Amino acid sequence: MIEADRLIAPENPVFRDEDVIDRAIRPKKLADYEGQEHVSDQMEIFIKAAQLRNEALDHLLIFGPPGLGKTTLANIVANEMEVNIRTLRGLYLKKQATLLRF
């Protein structure tokens, strides 16, 4: 099997030009996020509450079908909180031990 044919991410992913452009145009802040006002309003409440408490927004589960903007929202929250983010695909959650690495 050729690496590019793998169904899961290849061992050494090579980013295509489209990936770089896609990441460059995604919104970075909540004010730039378009659509799903009810979701962005909730996120704003979570973020402001954590900032006012001077605490991390330590657990956030965003779920739904592909293409809704879950990863974009997660990155926006990280940017707003000025923290790094670690993402994990549900596909890899077969064992509880997987979470211990994060």
Foldseek 3Di string as FASTA:
>chain_A
DDQVPDPDHGPDDDDDPVNVVVVVPQDQALVPDDDPVVVSVVLVVLLVVCVVVVHDSPDDDDDDDPPPCPVSSQNNSCSSNVHDDDDDDPVPPPDPVVVVVD
